[in-house]
Every structure is written in C-alpha cells, then in structure tokens.
N, C-alpha and C. Protein backbone atom coordinates (compact mmCIF):
# COMPACT_ATOMS: atom_id res chain seq x y z
N MET A 1 -294.99 -20.32 6.80
CA MET A 1 -294.93 -19.00 7.39
C MET A 1 -293.89 -18.13 6.68
N ILE A 2 -292.74 -18.73 6.37
CA ILE A 2 -291.68 -17.97 5.70
C ILE A 2 -292.13 -17.54 4.31
N GLU A 3 -292.85 -18.40 3.61
CA GLU A 3 -293.36 -18.04 2.29
C GLU A 3 -294.33 -16.87 2.38
N LYS A 4 -295.18 -16.89 3.40
CA LYS A 4 -296.14 -15.80 3.60
C LYS A 4 -295.40 -14.49 3.90
N LEU A 5 -294.36 -14.57 4.72
CA LEU A 5 -293.55 -13.40 5.04
C LEU A 5 -292.84 -12.88 3.80
N LYS A 6 -292.29 -13.79 2.98
CA LYS A 6 -291.63 -13.39 1.75
C LYS A 6 -292.59 -12.69 0.80
N THR A 7 -293.84 -13.15 0.74
CA THR A 7 -294.84 -12.53 -0.11
C THR A 7 -295.11 -11.10 0.35
N TYR A 8 -295.25 -10.92 1.66
CA TYR A 8 -295.51 -9.60 2.21
C TYR A 8 -294.32 -8.67 2.01
N THR A 9 -293.12 -9.16 2.34
CA THR A 9 -291.95 -8.30 2.25
C THR A 9 -291.57 -7.98 0.81
N SER A 10 -291.91 -8.86 -0.13
CA SER A 10 -291.58 -8.56 -1.53
C SER A 10 -292.34 -7.33 -2.02
N LYS A 11 -293.48 -7.06 -1.44
CA LYS A 11 -294.24 -5.86 -1.81
C LYS A 11 -293.54 -4.58 -1.33
N LEU A 12 -292.72 -4.73 -0.31
CA LEU A 12 -291.98 -3.59 0.22
C LEU A 12 -290.61 -3.45 -0.43
N SER A 13 -290.26 -4.39 -1.26
CA SER A 13 -289.00 -4.51 -2.00
C SER A 13 -287.84 -3.73 -1.38
N PHE A 14 -287.54 -2.59 -1.88
CA PHE A 14 -286.39 -1.80 -1.45
C PHE A 14 -286.46 -1.44 0.04
N TRP A 15 -287.61 -1.03 0.49
CA TRP A 15 -287.73 -0.51 1.86
C TRP A 15 -287.53 -1.56 2.93
N TRP A 16 -287.91 -2.78 2.66
CA TRP A 16 -287.82 -3.82 3.68
C TRP A 16 -286.38 -4.08 4.12
N PRO A 17 -285.46 -4.49 3.24
CA PRO A 17 -284.11 -4.82 3.70
C PRO A 17 -283.21 -3.62 3.97
N ILE A 18 -283.51 -2.49 3.38
CA ILE A 18 -282.62 -1.34 3.51
C ILE A 18 -283.02 -0.41 4.64
N VAL A 19 -284.30 -0.32 4.95
CA VAL A 19 -284.76 0.61 5.98
C VAL A 19 -285.43 -0.12 7.15
N LEU A 20 -286.47 -0.87 6.86
CA LEU A 20 -287.28 -1.44 7.94
C LEU A 20 -286.57 -2.53 8.75
N VAL A 21 -285.93 -3.48 8.08
CA VAL A 21 -285.24 -4.55 8.80
C VAL A 21 -284.13 -4.00 9.70
N PRO A 22 -283.24 -3.14 9.18
CA PRO A 22 -282.21 -2.62 10.07
C PRO A 22 -282.76 -1.87 11.29
N ILE A 23 -283.84 -1.13 11.10
CA ILE A 23 -284.41 -0.39 12.23
C ILE A 23 -284.95 -1.36 13.27
N TRP A 24 -285.83 -2.30 12.88
CA TRP A 24 -286.44 -3.15 13.90
C TRP A 24 -285.44 -4.13 14.49
N GLN A 25 -284.51 -4.65 13.68
CA GLN A 25 -283.54 -5.59 14.24
C GLN A 25 -282.56 -4.89 15.17
N GLU A 26 -282.14 -3.71 14.84
CA GLU A 26 -281.23 -3.00 15.74
C GLU A 26 -281.93 -2.58 17.03
N LEU A 27 -283.20 -2.21 16.94
CA LEU A 27 -283.94 -1.91 18.16
C LEU A 27 -284.07 -3.14 19.05
N VAL A 28 -284.49 -4.25 18.46
CA VAL A 28 -284.77 -5.47 19.24
C VAL A 28 -283.49 -6.15 19.72
N PHE A 29 -282.49 -6.30 18.85
CA PHE A 29 -281.33 -7.12 19.18
C PHE A 29 -280.12 -6.35 19.68
N ARG A 30 -280.11 -5.05 19.54
CA ARG A 30 -279.01 -4.26 20.07
C ARG A 30 -279.48 -3.26 21.12
N TYR A 31 -280.40 -2.37 20.74
CA TYR A 31 -280.76 -1.29 21.66
C TYR A 31 -281.45 -1.79 22.93
N LEU A 32 -282.48 -2.60 22.79
CA LEU A 32 -283.20 -3.06 23.99
C LEU A 32 -282.32 -3.86 24.94
N PRO A 33 -281.53 -4.84 24.46
CA PRO A 33 -280.63 -5.52 25.39
C PRO A 33 -279.58 -4.58 26.00
N TYR A 34 -279.09 -3.64 25.21
CA TYR A 34 -278.11 -2.68 25.71
C TYR A 34 -278.73 -1.83 26.82
N ARG A 35 -279.90 -1.30 26.53
CA ARG A 35 -280.56 -0.37 27.46
C ARG A 35 -281.09 -1.06 28.71
N PHE A 36 -281.71 -2.22 28.54
CA PHE A 36 -282.41 -2.83 29.66
C PHE A 36 -281.70 -4.01 30.32
N ILE A 37 -280.62 -4.49 29.72
CA ILE A 37 -279.87 -5.58 30.35
C ILE A 37 -278.44 -5.12 30.66
N TYR A 38 -277.73 -4.67 29.62
CA TYR A 38 -276.34 -4.28 29.84
C TYR A 38 -276.21 -3.10 30.79
N LEU A 39 -276.91 -2.00 30.55
CA LEU A 39 -276.74 -0.82 31.40
C LEU A 39 -277.05 -1.09 32.87
N PRO A 40 -278.12 -1.83 33.20
CA PRO A 40 -278.37 -2.09 34.62
C PRO A 40 -277.40 -3.09 35.27
N ILE A 41 -276.96 -4.12 34.52
CA ILE A 41 -276.15 -5.16 35.18
C ILE A 41 -274.72 -5.25 34.68
N GLY A 42 -274.39 -4.60 33.59
CA GLY A 42 -273.04 -4.68 33.05
C GLY A 42 -272.87 -5.90 32.15
N LYS A 43 -271.64 -6.38 32.04
CA LYS A 43 -271.30 -7.56 31.24
C LYS A 43 -271.60 -7.34 29.76
N PHE A 44 -270.92 -6.37 29.20
CA PHE A 44 -271.14 -5.95 27.82
C PHE A 44 -271.09 -7.12 26.84
N TRP A 45 -270.00 -7.87 26.83
CA TRP A 45 -269.85 -8.93 25.84
C TRP A 45 -270.76 -10.11 26.09
N GLU A 46 -271.06 -10.41 27.35
CA GLU A 46 -271.96 -11.52 27.65
C GLU A 46 -273.37 -11.23 27.12
N VAL A 47 -273.84 -10.02 27.36
CA VAL A 47 -275.17 -9.62 26.87
C VAL A 47 -275.16 -9.60 25.35
N GLY A 48 -274.10 -9.07 24.76
CA GLY A 48 -273.99 -9.03 23.31
C GLY A 48 -273.99 -10.41 22.68
N LEU A 49 -273.24 -11.34 23.28
CA LEU A 49 -273.21 -12.71 22.76
C LEU A 49 -274.57 -13.37 22.83
N LEU A 50 -275.24 -13.24 23.95
CA LEU A 50 -276.57 -13.85 24.11
C LEU A 50 -277.56 -13.25 23.11
N SER A 51 -277.58 -11.94 23.00
CA SER A 51 -278.48 -11.28 22.06
C SER A 51 -278.20 -11.72 20.63
N ASN A 52 -276.94 -11.86 20.29
CA ASN A 52 -276.58 -12.22 18.92
C ASN A 52 -276.76 -13.70 18.61
N ILE A 53 -276.78 -14.53 19.62
CA ILE A 53 -277.14 -15.93 19.40
C ILE A 53 -278.60 -15.99 18.94
N VAL A 54 -279.45 -15.22 19.60
CA VAL A 54 -280.86 -15.16 19.20
C VAL A 54 -280.98 -14.54 17.80
N PHE A 55 -280.29 -13.44 17.56
CA PHE A 55 -280.29 -12.77 16.26
C PHE A 55 -279.88 -13.73 15.15
N ALA A 56 -278.78 -14.43 15.34
CA ALA A 56 -278.28 -15.35 14.32
C ALA A 56 -279.24 -16.52 14.12
N THR A 57 -279.83 -17.00 15.18
CA THR A 57 -280.76 -18.13 15.09
C THR A 57 -281.95 -17.78 14.19
N LEU A 58 -282.40 -16.54 14.21
CA LEU A 58 -283.50 -16.12 13.35
C LEU A 58 -283.14 -16.20 11.87
N HIS A 59 -281.86 -16.27 11.56
CA HIS A 59 -281.41 -16.35 10.17
C HIS A 59 -281.11 -17.79 9.75
N TRP A 60 -281.41 -18.75 10.60
CA TRP A 60 -281.11 -20.14 10.32
C TRP A 60 -281.77 -20.64 9.04
N TYR A 61 -282.96 -20.15 8.75
CA TYR A 61 -283.69 -20.61 7.56
C TYR A 61 -282.92 -20.33 6.27
N ILE A 62 -281.99 -19.40 6.28
CA ILE A 62 -281.20 -19.09 5.09
C ILE A 62 -280.10 -20.14 4.91
N GLY A 63 -279.62 -20.68 6.00
CA GLY A 63 -278.57 -21.69 5.96
C GLY A 63 -277.58 -21.48 7.08
N LYS A 64 -276.84 -22.54 7.40
CA LYS A 64 -275.94 -22.47 8.55
C LYS A 64 -274.81 -21.47 8.34
N TRP A 65 -274.28 -21.36 7.12
CA TRP A 65 -273.19 -20.42 6.90
C TRP A 65 -273.67 -18.98 6.98
N PHE A 66 -274.89 -18.72 6.52
CA PHE A 66 -275.42 -17.38 6.65
C PHE A 66 -275.71 -17.05 8.12
N THR A 67 -276.07 -18.06 8.88
CA THR A 67 -276.29 -17.87 10.32
C THR A 67 -274.99 -17.42 10.99
N ILE A 68 -273.89 -18.03 10.61
CA ILE A 68 -272.59 -17.62 11.15
C ILE A 68 -272.26 -16.20 10.71
N TRP A 69 -272.52 -15.90 9.42
CA TRP A 69 -272.33 -14.55 8.89
C TRP A 69 -273.14 -13.54 9.70
N ALA A 70 -274.41 -13.85 9.96
CA ALA A 70 -275.29 -12.96 10.73
C ALA A 70 -274.77 -12.79 12.15
N PHE A 71 -274.28 -13.87 12.76
CA PHE A 71 -273.75 -13.78 14.12
C PHE A 71 -272.54 -12.85 14.16
N LEU A 72 -271.62 -13.03 13.22
CA LEU A 72 -270.41 -12.19 13.21
C LEU A 72 -270.75 -10.72 13.00
N TRP A 73 -271.65 -10.44 12.05
CA TRP A 73 -272.06 -9.05 11.84
C TRP A 73 -272.84 -8.53 13.05
N GLY A 74 -273.60 -9.41 13.70
CA GLY A 74 -274.31 -9.00 14.91
C GLY A 74 -273.37 -8.55 16.01
N ILE A 75 -272.24 -9.24 16.16
CA ILE A 75 -271.24 -8.85 17.16
C ILE A 75 -270.64 -7.49 16.80
N ILE A 76 -270.34 -7.29 15.53
CA ILE A 76 -269.81 -5.99 15.10
C ILE A 76 -270.84 -4.90 15.37
N LEU A 77 -272.09 -5.17 15.04
CA LEU A 77 -273.15 -4.18 15.26
C LEU A 77 -273.37 -3.92 16.75
N TRP A 78 -273.20 -4.95 17.59
CA TRP A 78 -273.29 -4.78 19.05
C TRP A 78 -272.20 -3.80 19.52
N TRP A 79 -270.99 -4.00 19.03
CA TRP A 79 -269.89 -3.12 19.40
C TRP A 79 -270.19 -1.69 18.94
N VAL A 80 -270.66 -1.54 17.69
CA VAL A 80 -271.00 -0.22 17.15
C VAL A 80 -272.09 0.43 18.01
N MET A 81 -273.10 -0.35 18.38
CA MET A 81 -274.17 0.17 19.24
C MET A 81 -273.60 0.69 20.56
N GLY A 82 -272.75 -0.10 21.18
CA GLY A 82 -272.16 0.30 22.46
C GLY A 82 -271.23 1.49 22.35
N ARG A 83 -270.50 1.56 21.27
CA ARG A 83 -269.49 2.61 21.11
C ARG A 83 -270.05 3.91 20.54
N TYR A 84 -270.94 3.79 19.54
CA TYR A 84 -271.39 4.98 18.80
C TYR A 84 -272.89 5.26 18.90
N GLY A 85 -273.68 4.24 19.29
CA GLY A 85 -275.11 4.46 19.44
C GLY A 85 -275.97 3.73 18.42
N LEU A 86 -277.26 3.90 18.56
CA LEU A 86 -278.25 3.20 17.75
C LEU A 86 -278.22 3.61 16.28
N ILE A 87 -278.17 4.89 16.00
CA ILE A 87 -278.24 5.36 14.60
C ILE A 87 -277.06 4.82 13.78
N PRO A 88 -275.83 4.91 14.26
CA PRO A 88 -274.73 4.31 13.48
C PRO A 88 -274.89 2.80 13.28
N ALA A 89 -275.42 2.10 14.27
CA ALA A 89 -275.66 0.65 14.11
C ALA A 89 -276.69 0.40 13.02
N ILE A 90 -277.75 1.19 13.00
CA ILE A 90 -278.78 1.05 11.96
C ILE A 90 -278.19 1.34 10.58
N LEU A 91 -277.40 2.41 10.48
CA LEU A 91 -276.80 2.78 9.20
C LEU A 91 -275.83 1.70 8.70
N LEU A 92 -275.02 1.15 9.60
CA LEU A 92 -274.10 0.08 9.19
C LEU A 92 -274.88 -1.16 8.78
N HIS A 93 -275.92 -1.50 9.51
CA HIS A 93 -276.76 -2.65 9.16
C HIS A 93 -277.36 -2.44 7.77
N SER A 94 -277.83 -1.24 7.49
CA SER A 94 -278.37 -0.93 6.16
C SER A 94 -277.30 -1.08 5.09
N LEU A 95 -276.10 -0.61 5.38
CA LEU A 95 -275.01 -0.72 4.42
C LEU A 95 -274.67 -2.19 4.13
N VAL A 96 -274.64 -3.01 5.16
CA VAL A 96 -274.38 -4.44 4.98
C VAL A 96 -275.45 -5.05 4.08
N ASN A 97 -276.70 -4.67 4.30
CA ASN A 97 -277.79 -5.19 3.46
C ASN A 97 -277.71 -4.68 2.02
N VAL A 98 -277.28 -3.44 1.84
CA VAL A 98 -277.10 -2.91 0.48
C VAL A 98 -276.02 -3.71 -0.24
N VAL A 99 -274.90 -3.96 0.43
CA VAL A 99 -273.82 -4.75 -0.17
C VAL A 99 -274.32 -6.15 -0.50
N ASP A 100 -275.07 -6.74 0.41
CA ASP A 100 -275.63 -8.07 0.18
C ASP A 100 -276.53 -8.06 -1.06
N LEU A 101 -277.42 -7.10 -1.16
CA LEU A 101 -278.33 -7.04 -2.30
C LEU A 101 -277.60 -6.71 -3.60
N ARG A 102 -276.62 -5.86 -3.52
CA ARG A 102 -275.89 -5.44 -4.73
C ARG A 102 -274.96 -6.53 -5.27
N PHE A 103 -274.23 -7.17 -4.36
CA PHE A 103 -273.20 -8.11 -4.78
C PHE A 103 -273.57 -9.57 -4.54
N GLY A 104 -274.73 -9.81 -3.96
CA GLY A 104 -275.21 -11.18 -3.80
C GLY A 104 -274.47 -11.99 -2.76
N ILE A 105 -274.12 -11.38 -1.64
CA ILE A 105 -273.41 -12.10 -0.58
C ILE A 105 -274.19 -13.35 -0.16
N ARG A 106 -275.49 -13.22 -0.03
CA ARG A 106 -276.28 -14.36 0.44
C ARG A 106 -276.35 -15.49 -0.58
N LYS A 107 -275.97 -15.21 -1.83
CA LYS A 107 -275.89 -16.31 -2.80
C LYS A 107 -274.84 -17.32 -2.40
N LEU A 108 -273.86 -16.87 -1.64
CA LEU A 108 -272.85 -17.78 -1.12
C LEU A 108 -273.42 -18.67 -0.02
N PHE A 109 -274.51 -18.21 0.58
CA PHE A 109 -275.11 -18.90 1.71
C PHE A 109 -276.53 -19.30 1.36
N ARG A 110 -276.68 -20.32 0.58
CA ARG A 110 -278.01 -20.78 0.15
C ARG A 110 -278.61 -21.69 1.21
N ASN A 111 -279.94 -21.75 1.22
CA ASN A 111 -280.60 -22.65 2.17
C ASN A 111 -280.40 -24.11 1.73
N LYS A 112 -280.88 -25.03 2.50
CA LYS A 112 -280.62 -26.45 2.25
C LYS A 112 -281.21 -26.93 0.93
N HIS A 113 -282.16 -26.21 0.35
CA HIS A 113 -282.77 -26.59 -0.92
C HIS A 113 -282.08 -25.91 -2.09
N GLY A 114 -281.07 -25.09 -1.80
CA GLY A 114 -280.34 -24.41 -2.86
C GLY A 114 -281.02 -23.16 -3.37
N ALA A 115 -282.12 -22.78 -2.76
CA ALA A 115 -282.86 -21.61 -3.22
C ALA A 115 -282.29 -20.35 -2.57
N GLU A 116 -282.20 -19.31 -3.34
CA GLU A 116 -281.74 -18.04 -2.80
C GLU A 116 -282.87 -17.44 -1.95
N ILE A 117 -282.49 -16.88 -0.82
CA ILE A 117 -283.44 -16.24 0.06
C ILE A 117 -283.32 -14.74 -0.12
N ASN A 118 -284.44 -14.05 -0.30
CA ASN A 118 -284.43 -12.59 -0.45
C ASN A 118 -284.87 -11.97 0.85
N GLY A 119 -284.48 -10.74 1.06
CA GLY A 119 -284.86 -10.02 2.26
C GLY A 119 -283.63 -9.45 2.94
N GLY A 120 -283.83 -8.91 4.13
CA GLY A 120 -282.74 -8.25 4.84
C GLY A 120 -282.07 -9.14 5.83
N LEU A 121 -280.90 -8.76 6.19
CA LEU A 121 -280.11 -9.47 7.16
C LEU A 121 -280.71 -9.37 8.54
C-alpha cells in the first residue's frame, strides 16, 4: 500500500509535501480535534497529546526516530493551532517540509531497510 501511495504522490512531486500534506494533516490532526473535542470539553494538552500520538503513529513506516520527530513537531503545531489558528499551523508545517526536502532531515531517520522515504511530514 505504501508503494502504491508513493507512486501516486511522486506524480504530485512538489505539491504533495509542500501544499497538500500540510493542509490535510493540519485539518485532520489539529483543526478537527481542536474544534470538536478541545473547544467543547477543554483539556488542551490532553487532546493535543492524543491527536499527536495518532499523527506520529502514521509516520512509523519512516522509522522510530522520525516518528518521535513527527510527534514533537505535532505538539508544536498543536500549540500554534491553538494560539494562532489553522493557517499559521499549515504554513509552519509547510516550512518544516521544505526544510526537510531541502536539507534532507529525513535522511537522518531512515526506515528499517535503510531506504529513504519521500513525501511530506
């Protein structure tokens, strides 16, 4: 399944990790939990931690260290979402992905087979 997804996303090259991934991930993992869980019941950090555990788990295929990297950035993005809103969270997520693509951050976090994984955070 991951190979099929990589084939599809490679056709979107630039747009996938810089535009599309930040938009859908910020909507799903920050905005929706913020809007529909945090606002009605409170517990900002508890909701953020739970949401980011799921977010980080989706990055497990890249490797355990990248999963930790994704979790930490997810917490930062959760705070940005709560403090400044959805658009700044999307823009920061895009910036993190640009830095990753430009400087090869994910090369530090290879999967268990040693292969570099392409795509967005």
